[in-house]
Amino acid sequence: MQYEPFQTIYDRAALRHGGQQNLEQQLTKPASVSQLYQQSDDRWLAAFSQKIFQSGINWQVVRNKWEGFESVFFGFDIEKMLLIHHEMWEEKAKDTRIIRNFGKVMTIRENAFMIQECQRTHGSFAKFVADWPTSDITGLWTYLKQHGQRLGGNTGPYTLRIMGKDTFLMTRDVEGYLRLHDIITTGKDTKSALLAAQTAFNHWQQESGRSLNEISQCIAMSVN
């Protein structure tokens, strides 16, 4: 597979976004491994939950309600989430301080179980994520989809990006670029497409020394 040189992608993005200096100001960098270690697991559960609730509705509506979510769900404390009995979950799903959606509310419990399992095997979910190699970031996407609830599609990857884990995103622009260059030719969530995308991003990372974050953003900003 012949990949377009990253420098060509970067130059095109800079040309379309006011020059190199302006482009660099728009690029975001991931957190360091040590910074990821310091995050508490309740913040991971909160981040997953916020992104799940934002799916399909205006994101700002969820942000405006988030203080209520934090209160209703005890700051997303993992142990407390796992002690709540089913009837109480039903009551919480009716609380006017949150967006009342029972199906989405129950993902909080299920994703708390996922986080607890990672705590048992890795000490903390934050360490589990921090130690996952970025050269197989799509493997982490798949793990979240298979072991969590409603973390497939872009929900899991977007949450990783928000929390500082280095990841590319399969946005419409990035997917369009990969298809235009015949890097992916099947559904974007198929194993073959994920492997092909990961291989391409690994190539550009080795070539440029840039993070997956930056490469992904440059590709998105390089297309029409």
C-alpha atoms as a PDB file:
ATOM      1  CA  MET A   1       0.000   0.000   0.000  1.00  0.00           C
ATOM      2  CA  GLN A   2       1.354   3.384  -1.045  1.00  0.00           C
ATOM      3  CA  TYR A   3       0.362   6.086   1.422  1.00  0.00           C
ATOM      4  CA  GLU A   4       0.328   9.788   0.688  1.00  0.00           C
ATOM      5  CA  PRO A   5       3.276  11.337   2.567  1.00  0.00           C
ATOM      6  CA  PHE A   6       2.171  12.956   5.807  1.00  0.00           C
ATOM      7  CA  GLN A   7       4.020  16.145   4.895  1.00  0.00           C
ATOM      8  CA  THR A   8       1.798  16.484   1.825  1.00  0.00           C
ATOM      9  CA  ILE A   9      -1.291  16.032   4.005  1.00  0.00           C
ATOM     10  CA  TYR A  10       0.056  18.545   6.519  1.00  0.00           C
ATOM     11  CA  ASP A  11       0.907  21.143   3.849  1.00  0.00           C
ATOM     12  CA  ARG A  12      -2.551  20.872   2.322  1.00  0.00           C
ATOM     13  CA  ALA A  13      -4.175  21.282   5.753  1.00  0.00           C
ATOM     14  CA  ALA A  14      -2.006  24.333   6.464  1.00  0.00           C
ATOM     15  CA  LEU A  15      -2.904  25.873   3.108  1.00  0.00           C
ATOM     16  CA  ARG A  16      -6.603  25.428   3.806  1.00  0.00           C
ATOM     17  CA  HIS A  17      -6.448  26.730   7.370  1.00  0.00           C
ATOM     18  CA  GLY A  18      -4.474  29.932   7.191  1.00  0.00           C
ATOM     19  CA  GLY A  19      -0.934  28.657   7.281  1.00  0.00           C
ATOM     20  CA  GLN A  20       1.238  26.488   9.472  1.00  0.00           C
ATOM     21  CA  GLN A  21       1.011  28.670  12.585  1.00  0.00           C
ATOM     22  CA  ASN A  22      -2.793  28.710  12.520  1.00  0.00           C
ATOM     23  CA  LEU A  23      -2.898  24.980  11.890  1.00  0.00           C
ATOM     24  CA  GLU A  24      -0.595  24.218  14.818  1.00  0.00           C
ATOM     25  CA  GLN A  25      -2.778  26.304  17.127  1.00  0.00           C
ATOM     26  CA  GLN A  26      -5.774  24.134  16.229  1.00  0.00           C
ATOM     27  CA  LEU A  27      -4.074  20.778  16.780  1.00  0.00           C
ATOM     28  CA  THR A  28      -4.567  19.100  20.156  1.00  0.00           C
ATOM     29  CA  LYS A  29      -2.021  16.833  21.776  1.00  0.00           C
ATOM     30  CA  PRO A  30      -2.785  13.795  23.948  1.00  0.00           C
ATOM     31  CA  ALA A  31      -2.077  13.515  27.650  1.00  0.00           C
ATOM     32  CA  SER A  32       1.089  11.787  28.810  1.00  0.00           C
ATOM     33  CA  VAL A  33       0.966   8.299  30.288  1.00  0.00           C
ATOM     34  CA  SER A  34       1.641   9.734  33.740  1.00  0.00           C
ATOM     35  CA  GLN A  35      -1.235  12.199  33.338  1.00  0.00           C
ATOM     36  CA  LEU A  36      -3.552   9.359  32.305  1.00  0.00           C
ATOM     37  CA  TYR A  37      -2.477   7.367  35.374  1.00  0.00           C
ATOM     38  CA  GLN A  38      -3.622  10.210  37.618  1.00  0.00           C
ATOM     39  CA  GLN A  39      -7.210  10.222  36.372  1.00  0.00           C
ATOM     40  CA  SER A  40      -9.715   8.641  38.729  1.00  0.00           C
ATOM     41  CA  ASP A  41     -11.970   5.891  37.444  1.00  0.00           C
ATOM     42  CA  ASP A  42     -15.128   7.766  38.401  1.00  0.00           C
ATOM     43  CA  ARG A  43     -14.134  10.385  35.818  1.00  0.00           C
ATOM     44  CA  TRP A  44     -13.930   7.705  33.168  1.00  0.00           C
ATOM     45  CA  LEU A  45     -17.409   6.466  34.011  1.00  0.00           C
ATOM     46  CA  ALA A  46     -18.699  10.036  33.987  1.00  0.00           C
ATOM     47  CA  ALA A  47     -17.096  10.695  30.594  1.00  0.00           C
ATOM     48  CA  PHE A  48     -18.508   7.529  29.039  1.00  0.00           C
ATOM     49  CA  SER A  49     -21.935   8.319  30.452  1.00  0.00           C
ATOM     50  CA  GLN A  50     -21.933  11.906  29.241  1.00  0.00           C
ATOM     51  CA  LYS A  51     -20.991  10.851  25.728  1.00  0.00           C
ATOM     52  CA  ILE A  52     -23.704   8.156  25.720  1.00  0.00           C
ATOM     53  CA  PHE A  53     -26.357  10.641  26.812  1.00  0.00           C
ATOM     54  CA  GLN A  54     -25.168  13.133  24.184  1.00  0.00           C
ATOM     55  CA  SER A  55     -25.754  10.573  21.437  1.00  0.00           C
ATOM     56  CA  GLY A  56     -28.732  11.627  19.370  1.00  0.00           C
ATOM     57  CA  ILE A  57     -29.444  14.936  21.128  1.00  0.00           C
ATOM     58  CA  ASN A  58     -27.901  18.377  21.411  1.00  0.00           C
ATOM     59  CA  TRP A  59     -24.685  18.035  23.406  1.00  0.00           C
ATOM     60  CA  GLN A  60     -25.221  21.303  25.257  1.00  0.00           C
ATOM     61  CA  VAL A  61     -28.524  20.036  26.663  1.00  0.00           C
ATOM     62  CA  VAL A  62     -26.601  17.248  28.391  1.00  0.00           C
ATOM     63  CA  ARG A  63     -23.854  19.592  29.594  1.00  0.00           C
ATOM     64  CA  ASN A  64     -26.475  21.895  31.114  1.00  0.00           C
ATOM     65  CA  LYS A  65     -27.876  18.958  33.090  1.00  0.00           C
ATOM     66  CA  TRP A  66     -24.554  17.464  34.089  1.00  0.00           C
ATOM     67  CA  GLU A  67     -24.413  18.851  37.609  1.00  0.00           C
ATOM     68  CA  GLY A  68     -27.666  16.993  38.219  1.00  0.00           C
ATOM     69  CA  PHE A  69     -26.176  13.784  36.840  1.00  0.00           C
ATOM     70  CA  GLU A  70     -23.184  14.096  39.172  1.00  0.00           C
ATOM     71  CA  SER A  71     -25.504  14.504  42.139  1.00  0.00           C
ATOM     72  CA  VAL A  72     -27.962  11.742  41.246  1.00  0.00           C
ATOM     73  CA  PHE A  73     -25.189   9.220  40.561  1.00  0.00           C
ATOM     74  CA  PHE A  74     -22.963  10.027  43.560  1.00  0.00           C
ATOM     75  CA  GLY A  75     -20.162  11.476  41.464  1.00  0.00           C
ATOM     76  CA  PHE A  76     -20.070   8.226  39.448  1.00  0.00           C
ATOM     77  CA  ASP A  77     -18.264   6.457  42.277  1.00  0.00           C
ATOM     78  CA  ILE A  78     -17.696   2.935  40.913  1.00  0.00           C
ATOM     79  CA  GLU A  79     -18.329   1.076  44.163  1.00  0.00           C
ATOM     80  CA  LYS A  80     -21.520   2.997  44.862  1.00  0.00           C
ATOM     81  CA  MET A  81     -22.811   2.349  41.349  1.00  0.00           C
ATOM     82  CA  LEU A  82     -22.406  -1.383  41.865  1.00  0.00           C
ATOM     83  CA  LEU A  83     -24.280  -1.336  45.184  1.00  0.00           C
ATOM     84  CA  ILE A  84     -27.435   0.257  43.779  1.00  0.00           C
ATOM     85  CA  HIS A  85     -30.293  -2.260  43.469  1.00  0.00           C
ATOM     86  CA  HIS A  86     -32.502  -2.452  40.397  1.00  0.00           C
ATOM     87  CA  GLU A  87     -35.494  -0.657  41.897  1.00  0.00           C
ATOM     88  CA  MET A  88     -33.305   2.310  42.810  1.00  0.00           C
ATOM     89  CA  TRP A  89     -31.986   2.473  39.243  1.00  0.00           C
ATOM     90  CA  GLU A  90     -35.575   2.734  38.072  1.00  0.00           C
ATOM     91  CA  GLU A  91     -36.172   5.598  40.470  1.00  0.00           C
ATOM     92  CA  LYS A  92     -33.017   7.398  39.407  1.00  0.00           C
ATOM     93  CA  ALA A  93     -34.055   7.117  35.764  1.00  0.00           C
ATOM     94  CA  LYS A  94     -37.178   9.163  36.662  1.00  0.00           C
ATOM     95  CA  ASP A  95     -35.259  11.946  38.440  1.00  0.00           C
ATOM     96  CA  THR A  96     -35.986  15.333  36.842  1.00  0.00           C
ATOM     97  CA  ARG A  97     -32.415  16.492  37.474  1.00  0.00           C
ATOM     98  CA  ILE A  98     -31.201  14.253  34.662  1.00  0.00           C
ATOM     99  CA  ILE A  99     -32.328  13.335  31.143  1.00  0.00           C
ATOM    100  CA  ARG A 100     -34.814  10.567  31.789  1.00  0.00           C
ATOM    101  CA  ASN A 101     -33.858   7.648  29.565  1.00  0.00           C
ATOM    102  CA  PHE A 102     -33.894   4.299  31.357  1.00  0.00           C
ATOM    103  CA  GLY A 103     -31.867   2.478  28.699  1.00  0.00           C
ATOM    104  CA  LYS A 104     -29.056   5.017  28.846  1.00  0.00           C
ATOM    105  CA  VAL A 105     -29.193   5.193  32.642  1.00  0.00           C
ATOM    106  CA  MET A 106     -28.593   1.446  32.844  1.00  0.00           C
ATOM    107  CA  THR A 107     -25.399   1.778  30.801  1.00  0.00           C
ATOM    108  CA  ILE A 108     -23.908   3.514  33.845  1.00  0.00           C
ATOM    109  CA  ARG A 109     -24.209   0.310  35.850  1.00  0.00           C
ATOM    110  CA  GLU A 110     -22.950  -1.907  33.027  1.00  0.00           C
ATOM    111  CA  ASN A 111     -19.959   0.306  32.302  1.00  0.00           C
ATOM    112  CA  ALA A 112     -19.201   0.425  36.026  1.00  0.00           C
ATOM    113  CA  PHE A 113     -18.943  -3.377  35.872  1.00  0.00           C
ATOM    114  CA  MET A 114     -16.505  -3.086  32.959  1.00  0.00           C
ATOM    115  CA  ILE A 115     -14.376  -0.602  34.873  1.00  0.00           C
ATOM    116  CA  GLN A 116     -14.418  -2.757  37.997  1.00  0.00           C
ATOM    117  CA  GLU A 117     -13.159  -5.755  36.005  1.00  0.00           C
ATOM    118  CA  CYS A 118     -10.252  -3.676  34.695  1.00  0.00           C
ATOM    119  CA  GLN A 119      -9.507  -2.545  38.246  1.00  0.00           C
ATOM    120  CA  ARG A 120      -9.173  -6.185  39.275  1.00  0.00           C
ATOM    121  CA  THR A 121      -6.743  -7.022  36.494  1.00  0.00           C
ATOM    122  CA  HIS A 122      -4.807  -3.756  36.114  1.00  0.00           C
ATOM    123  CA  GLY A 123      -5.198  -1.863  39.385  1.00  0.00           C
ATOM    124  CA  SER A 124      -7.323   0.845  37.804  1.00  0.00           C
ATOM    125  CA  PHE A 125      -9.194   1.488  34.614  1.00  0.00           C
ATOM    126  CA  ALA A 126      -7.056   4.565  34.063  1.00  0.00           C
ATOM    127  CA  LYS A 127      -3.916   2.401  34.096  1.00  0.00           C
ATOM    128  CA  PHE A 128      -5.565  -0.094  31.749  1.00  0.00           C
ATOM    129  CA  VAL A 129      -6.211   2.668  29.217  1.00  0.00           C
ATOM    130  CA  ALA A 130      -2.870   4.410  29.714  1.00  0.00           C
ATOM    131  CA  ASP A 131      -0.926   1.197  29.130  1.00  0.00           C
ATOM    132  CA  TRP A 132      -2.832   0.182  26.008  1.00  0.00           C
ATOM    133  CA  PRO A 133      -0.483   0.658  23.018  1.00  0.00           C
ATOM    134  CA  THR A 134      -1.545   3.350  20.558  1.00  0.00           C
ATOM    135  CA  SER A 135      -0.256   1.120  17.760  1.00  0.00           C
ATOM    136  CA  ASP A 136      -3.386  -0.959  18.438  1.00  0.00           C
ATOM    137  CA  ILE A 137      -5.798   1.799  19.441  1.00  0.00           C
ATOM    138  CA  THR A 138      -8.564   0.220  17.364  1.00  0.00           C
ATOM    139  CA  GLY A 139      -8.159  -2.838  19.581  1.00  0.00           C
ATOM    140  CA  LEU A 140      -9.105  -0.641  22.533  1.00  0.00           C
ATOM    141  CA  TRP A 141     -12.108   0.625  20.577  1.00  0.00           C
ATOM    142  CA  THR A 142     -13.166  -2.993  20.071  1.00  0.00           C
ATOM    143  CA  TYR A 143     -12.644  -3.807  23.756  1.00  0.00           C
ATOM    144  CA  LEU A 144     -14.908  -0.941  24.816  1.00  0.00           C
ATOM    145  CA  LYS A 145     -17.559  -1.996  22.314  1.00  0.00           C
ATOM    146  CA  GLN A 146     -17.501  -5.648  23.407  1.00  0.00           C
ATOM    147  CA  HIS A 147     -17.160  -5.199  27.174  1.00  0.00           C
ATOM    148  CA  GLY A 148     -19.042  -1.948  27.706  1.00  0.00           C
ATOM    149  CA  GLN A 149     -22.518  -0.774  26.850  1.00  0.00           C
ATOM    150  CA  ARG A 150     -23.209   1.642  23.970  1.00  0.00           C
ATOM    151  CA  LEU A 151     -19.503   2.363  23.520  1.00  0.00           C
ATOM    152  CA  GLY A 152     -19.323   1.265  19.893  1.00  0.00           C
ATOM    153  CA  GLY A 153     -19.207   3.535  16.865  1.00  0.00           C
ATOM    154  CA  ASN A 154     -17.518   6.828  17.704  1.00  0.00           C
ATOM    155  CA  THR A 155     -18.729   6.957  21.326  1.00  0.00           C
ATOM    156  CA  GLY A 156     -15.777   5.044  22.784  1.00  0.00           C
ATOM    157  CA  PRO A 157     -13.109   6.736  20.626  1.00  0.00           C
ATOM    158  CA  TYR A 158     -14.509  10.221  21.268  1.00  0.00           C
ATOM    159  CA  THR A 159     -14.424   9.560  25.009  1.00  0.00           C
ATOM    160  CA  LEU A 160     -10.819   8.382  24.781  1.00  0.00           C
ATOM    161  CA  ARG A 161      -9.904  11.596  22.956  1.00  0.00           C
ATOM    162  CA  ILE A 162     -11.742  13.769  25.500  1.00  0.00           C
ATOM    163  CA  MET A 163      -9.943  12.038  28.373  1.00  0.00           C
ATOM    164  CA  GLY A 164      -6.542  12.492  26.766  1.00  0.00           C
ATOM    165  CA  LYS A 165      -5.769   9.050  25.332  1.00  0.00           C
ATOM    166  CA  ASP A 166      -4.000   9.336  21.997  1.00  0.00           C
ATOM    167  CA  THR A 167      -6.386   8.153  19.301  1.00  0.00           C
ATOM    168  CA  PHE A 168      -7.446   8.963  15.801  1.00  0.00           C
ATOM    169  CA  LEU A 169     -11.162   9.372  15.112  1.00  0.00           C
ATOM    170  CA  MET A 170     -13.137   7.868  12.259  1.00  0.00           C
ATOM    171  CA  THR A 171     -14.982  11.086  11.528  1.00  0.00           C
ATOM    172  CA  ARG A 172     -16.774  11.626   8.237  1.00  0.00           C
ATOM    173  CA  ASP A 173     -13.771  13.547   6.875  1.00  0.00           C
ATOM    174  CA  VAL A 174     -11.218  10.964   7.978  1.00  0.00           C
ATOM    175  CA  GLU A 175     -13.333   8.086   6.695  1.00  0.00           C
ATOM    176  CA  GLY A 176     -13.816   9.926   3.400  1.00  0.00           C
ATOM    177  CA  TYR A 177     -10.079  10.411   3.007  1.00  0.00           C
ATOM    178  CA  LEU A 178      -9.346   6.754   3.749  1.00  0.00           C
ATOM    179  CA  ARG A 179     -11.958   5.650   1.208  1.00  0.00           C
ATOM    180  CA  LEU A 180     -10.760   8.109  -1.433  1.00  0.00           C
ATOM    181  CA  HIS A 181      -7.283   6.608  -1.162  1.00  0.00           C
ATOM    182  CA  ASP A 182      -8.583   3.017  -1.098  1.00  0.00           C
ATOM    183  CA  ILE A 183      -7.184   2.425   2.387  1.00  0.00           C
ATOM    184  CA  ILE A 184     -10.553   1.148   3.565  1.00  0.00           C
ATOM    185  CA  THR A 185     -13.094  -0.376   1.181  1.00  0.00           C
ATOM    186  CA  THR A 186     -15.578  -2.049   3.547  1.00  0.00           C
ATOM    187  CA  GLY A 187     -17.786  -0.846   6.398  1.00  0.00           C
ATOM    188  CA  LYS A 188     -15.769   1.364   8.722  1.00  0.00           C
ATOM    189  CA  ASP A 189     -16.399  -0.880  11.744  1.00  0.00           C
ATOM    190  CA  THR A 190     -15.295  -4.132  10.112  1.00  0.00           C
ATOM    191  CA  LYS A 191     -12.100  -5.838  11.275  1.00  0.00           C
ATOM    192  CA  SER A 192     -10.474  -5.319   7.898  1.00  0.00           C
ATOM    193  CA  ALA A 193     -11.268  -1.601   7.859  1.00  0.00           C
ATOM    194  CA  LEU A 194     -10.027  -1.073  11.418  1.00  0.00           C
ATOM    195  CA  LEU A 195      -6.808  -2.953  10.671  1.00  0.00           C
ATOM    196  CA  ALA A 196      -6.241  -1.015   7.455  1.00  0.00           C
ATOM    197  CA  ALA A 197      -6.869   2.325   9.170  1.00  0.00           C
ATOM    198  CA  GLN A 198      -4.612   1.409  12.101  1.00  0.00           C
ATOM    199  CA  THR A 199      -1.828   0.327   9.745  1.00  0.00           C
ATOM    200  CA  ALA A 200      -2.047   3.599   7.839  1.00  0.00           C
ATOM    201  CA  PHE A 201      -1.985   5.721  10.985  1.00  0.00           C
ATOM    202  CA  ASN A 202       0.935   3.708  12.365  1.00  0.00           C
ATOM    203  CA  HIS A 203       2.797   4.426   9.128  1.00  0.00           C
ATOM    204  CA  TRP A 204       2.150   8.165   9.341  1.00  0.00           C
ATOM    205  CA  GLN A 205       3.085   8.220  13.025  1.00  0.00           C
ATOM    206  CA  GLN A 206       6.421   6.541  12.361  1.00  0.00           C
ATOM    207  CA  GLU A 207       7.014   8.844   9.409  1.00  0.00           C
ATOM    208  CA  SER A 208       6.139  12.103  11.159  1.00  0.00           C
ATOM    209  CA  GLY A 209       6.675  11.524  14.879  1.00  0.00           C
ATOM    210  CA  ARG A 210       3.245  13.091  15.425  1.00  0.00           C
ATOM    211  CA  SER A 211       0.527  11.778  17.721  1.00  0.00           C
ATOM    212  CA  LEU A 212      -2.514   9.982  16.331  1.00  0.00           C
ATOM    213  CA  ASN A 213      -4.527  13.011  17.515  1.00  0.00           C
ATOM    214  CA  GLU A 214      -2.561  15.399  15.335  1.00  0.00           C
ATOM    215  CA  ILE A 215      -2.453  13.110  12.316  1.00  0.00           C
ATOM    216  CA  SER A 216      -6.198  12.561  12.462  1.00  0.00           C
ATOM    217  CA  GLN A 217      -6.892  16.267  12.762  1.00  0.00           C
ATOM    218  CA  CYS A 218      -4.528  17.117   9.903  1.00  0.00           C
ATOM    219  CA  ILE A 219      -6.248  14.605   7.643  1.00  0.00           C
ATOM    220  CA  ALA A 220      -9.667  16.015   8.537  1.00  0.00           C
ATOM    221  CA  MET A 221      -8.484  19.566   7.850  1.00  0.00           C
ATOM    222  CA  SER A 222      -6.793  18.591   4.595  1.00  0.00           C
ATOM    223  CA  VAL A 223      -9.990  17.557   2.811  1.00  0.00           C
ATOM    224  CA  ASN A 224     -12.744  19.682   1.316  1.00  0.00           C
END
